[in-house]
Amino acid sequence: MKVIRRDHYLQRIISLSGNGRVKIITGIRRCGKSFLLNTLFFNYLKEQEIEKDHILYIR
């Protein structure tokens, strides 16, 4: 499976994280919103040594 990184969007989410506000990710169907959060941002959090049980998924 080929992964398109979407670094611009990932960096935008990272720069806005930690301020205590809720983030809303919007876009058309099947544009990669879930992949961005569930895979790319999750991997970033793991790289930052955030424990898995400290990451909350809401589906």
N, C-alpha and C. Protein backbone atom coordinates (compact mmCIF):
# COMPACT_ATOMS: atom_id res chain seq x y z
N MET A 1 0.84 -1.18 0.00
CA MET A 1 0.00 0.00 0.00
C MET A 1 0.88 1.24 0.00
N LYS A 2 0.63 2.13 -0.93
CA LYS A 2 1.37 3.38 -1.01
C LYS A 2 0.74 4.41 -0.08
N VAL A 3 1.58 5.05 0.72
CA VAL A 3 1.09 6.05 1.68
C VAL A 3 1.49 7.44 1.19
N ILE A 4 0.50 8.30 1.08
CA ILE A 4 0.75 9.72 0.78
C ILE A 4 0.82 10.44 2.12
N ARG A 5 1.95 11.03 2.43
CA ARG A 5 2.23 11.54 3.77
C ARG A 5 1.33 12.68 4.23
N ARG A 6 0.98 13.61 3.41
CA ARG A 6 0.17 14.76 3.81
C ARG A 6 0.86 15.57 4.93
N ASP A 7 2.15 15.83 4.73
CA ASP A 7 2.95 16.50 5.75
C ASP A 7 2.42 17.88 6.12
N HIS A 8 1.89 18.60 5.16
CA HIS A 8 1.36 19.94 5.45
C HIS A 8 0.25 19.86 6.50
N TYR A 9 -0.69 18.96 6.28
CA TYR A 9 -1.82 18.83 7.21
C TYR A 9 -1.39 18.26 8.55
N LEU A 10 -0.47 17.31 8.52
CA LEU A 10 0.04 16.73 9.76
C LEU A 10 0.75 17.79 10.59
N GLN A 11 1.60 18.60 9.97
CA GLN A 11 2.29 19.66 10.69
C GLN A 11 1.32 20.70 11.24
N ARG A 12 0.27 20.95 10.52
CA ARG A 12 -0.75 21.91 11.00
C ARG A 12 -1.43 21.39 12.27
N ILE A 13 -1.78 20.10 12.27
CA ILE A 13 -2.39 19.50 13.46
C ILE A 13 -1.41 19.51 14.62
N ILE A 14 -0.16 19.16 14.36
CA ILE A 14 0.86 19.13 15.41
C ILE A 14 1.05 20.51 16.01
N SER A 15 1.10 21.54 15.16
CA SER A 15 1.33 22.89 15.67
C SER A 15 0.16 23.40 16.51
N LEU A 16 -1.04 22.89 16.26
CA LEU A 16 -2.21 23.33 17.02
C LEU A 16 -2.51 22.44 18.23
N SER A 17 -1.79 21.33 18.37
CA SER A 17 -2.08 20.42 19.48
C SER A 17 -1.53 21.00 20.79
N GLY A 18 -2.10 20.58 21.87
CA GLY A 18 -1.60 20.98 23.17
C GLY A 18 -2.15 22.29 23.70
N ASN A 19 -3.08 22.91 23.01
CA ASN A 19 -3.60 24.19 23.50
C ASN A 19 -4.92 24.02 24.26
N GLY A 20 -5.36 22.78 24.43
CA GLY A 20 -6.57 22.52 25.20
C GLY A 20 -7.87 22.69 24.44
N ARG A 21 -7.80 23.02 23.18
CA ARG A 21 -9.01 23.20 22.37
C ARG A 21 -9.31 21.95 21.55
N VAL A 22 -10.57 21.76 21.26
CA VAL A 22 -11.01 20.65 20.41
C VAL A 22 -10.71 21.01 18.96
N LYS A 23 -10.18 20.05 18.21
CA LYS A 23 -9.91 20.25 16.79
C LYS A 23 -10.96 19.51 15.98
N ILE A 24 -11.44 20.13 14.92
CA ILE A 24 -12.43 19.51 14.03
C ILE A 24 -11.78 19.41 12.65
N ILE A 25 -11.69 18.18 12.16
CA ILE A 25 -11.12 17.92 10.84
C ILE A 25 -12.28 17.72 9.88
N THR A 26 -12.37 18.54 8.84
CA THR A 26 -13.47 18.44 7.89
C THR A 26 -12.94 18.19 6.49
N GLY A 27 -13.81 17.71 5.63
CA GLY A 27 -13.46 17.49 4.24
C GLY A 27 -14.49 16.60 3.59
N ILE A 28 -14.38 16.47 2.27
CA ILE A 28 -15.31 15.62 1.54
C ILE A 28 -15.08 14.15 1.92
N ARG A 29 -16.04 13.31 1.56
CA ARG A 29 -15.92 11.88 1.85
C ARG A 29 -14.68 11.31 1.18
N ARG A 30 -14.01 10.40 1.89
CA ARG A 30 -12.89 9.62 1.37
C ARG A 30 -11.70 10.47 0.94
N CYS A 31 -11.48 11.60 1.64
CA CYS A 31 -10.33 12.44 1.30
C CYS A 31 -9.14 12.17 2.20
N GLY A 32 -9.29 11.29 3.21
CA GLY A 32 -8.15 10.92 4.05
C GLY A 32 -8.18 11.47 5.46
N LYS A 33 -9.31 11.96 5.92
CA LYS A 33 -9.39 12.53 7.27
C LYS A 33 -9.07 11.49 8.34
N SER A 34 -9.71 10.34 8.25
CA SER A 34 -9.48 9.27 9.24
C SER A 34 -8.07 8.74 9.14
N PHE A 35 -7.56 8.58 7.93
CA PHE A 35 -6.19 8.10 7.75
C PHE A 35 -5.21 9.08 8.37
N LEU A 36 -5.43 10.36 8.18
CA LEU A 36 -4.57 11.39 8.74
C LEU A 36 -4.49 11.27 10.25
N LEU A 37 -5.63 11.11 10.90
CA LEU A 37 -5.64 11.05 12.36
C LEU A 37 -5.28 9.67 12.89
N ASN A 38 -5.89 8.63 12.35
CA ASN A 38 -5.72 7.29 12.90
C ASN A 38 -4.39 6.66 12.56
N THR A 39 -3.75 7.09 11.50
CA THR A 39 -2.47 6.49 11.12
C THR A 39 -1.33 7.49 11.28
N LEU A 40 -1.38 8.57 10.55
CA LEU A 40 -0.26 9.50 10.54
C LEU A 40 -0.07 10.21 11.88
N PHE A 41 -1.13 10.76 12.44
CA PHE A 41 -1.01 11.45 13.73
C PHE A 41 -0.75 10.46 14.86
N PHE A 42 -1.36 9.28 14.79
CA PHE A 42 -1.11 8.24 15.78
C PHE A 42 0.37 7.85 15.77
N ASN A 43 0.95 7.67 14.59
CA ASN A 43 2.37 7.33 14.49
C ASN A 43 3.24 8.46 15.03
N TYR A 44 2.85 9.70 14.80
CA TYR A 44 3.58 10.83 15.37
C TYR A 44 3.55 10.78 16.90
N LEU A 45 2.39 10.49 17.46
CA LEU A 45 2.29 10.41 18.92
C LEU A 45 3.15 9.28 19.47
N LYS A 46 3.19 8.15 18.79
CA LYS A 46 4.06 7.04 19.21
C LYS A 46 5.53 7.45 19.15
N GLU A 47 5.92 8.19 18.12
CA GLU A 47 7.30 8.67 18.02
C GLU A 47 7.65 9.61 19.16
N GLN A 48 6.65 10.32 19.68
CA GLN A 48 6.85 11.23 20.80
C GLN A 48 6.78 10.50 22.14
N GLU A 49 6.71 9.17 22.07
CA GLU A 49 6.68 8.28 23.23
C GLU A 49 5.44 8.49 24.11
N ILE A 50 4.33 8.81 23.48
CA ILE A 50 3.04 8.87 24.16
C ILE A 50 2.54 7.43 24.25
N GLU A 51 2.15 6.99 25.43
CA GLU A 51 1.68 5.61 25.60
C GLU A 51 0.33 5.42 24.91
N LYS A 52 0.14 4.21 24.35
CA LYS A 52 -1.09 3.91 23.62
C LYS A 52 -2.35 4.13 24.48
N ASP A 53 -2.27 3.81 25.77
CA ASP A 53 -3.45 3.95 26.62
C ASP A 53 -3.74 5.41 26.98
N HIS A 54 -2.91 6.34 26.50
CA HIS A 54 -3.17 7.77 26.69
C HIS A 54 -3.74 8.41 25.43
N ILE A 55 -4.00 7.59 24.40
CA ILE A 55 -4.54 8.09 23.14
C ILE A 55 -5.99 7.60 23.04
N LEU A 56 -6.90 8.53 22.84
CA LEU A 56 -8.33 8.22 22.82
C LEU A 56 -8.85 8.23 21.39
N TYR A 57 -9.53 7.14 21.02
CA TYR A 57 -10.19 7.05 19.72
C TYR A 57 -11.69 7.19 19.93
N ILE A 58 -12.32 8.06 19.16
CA ILE A 58 -13.77 8.17 19.16
C ILE A 58 -14.22 7.98 17.73
N ARG A 59 -15.02 6.95 17.51
CA ARG A 59 -15.50 6.66 16.13
C ARG A 59 -16.96 6.81 16.05
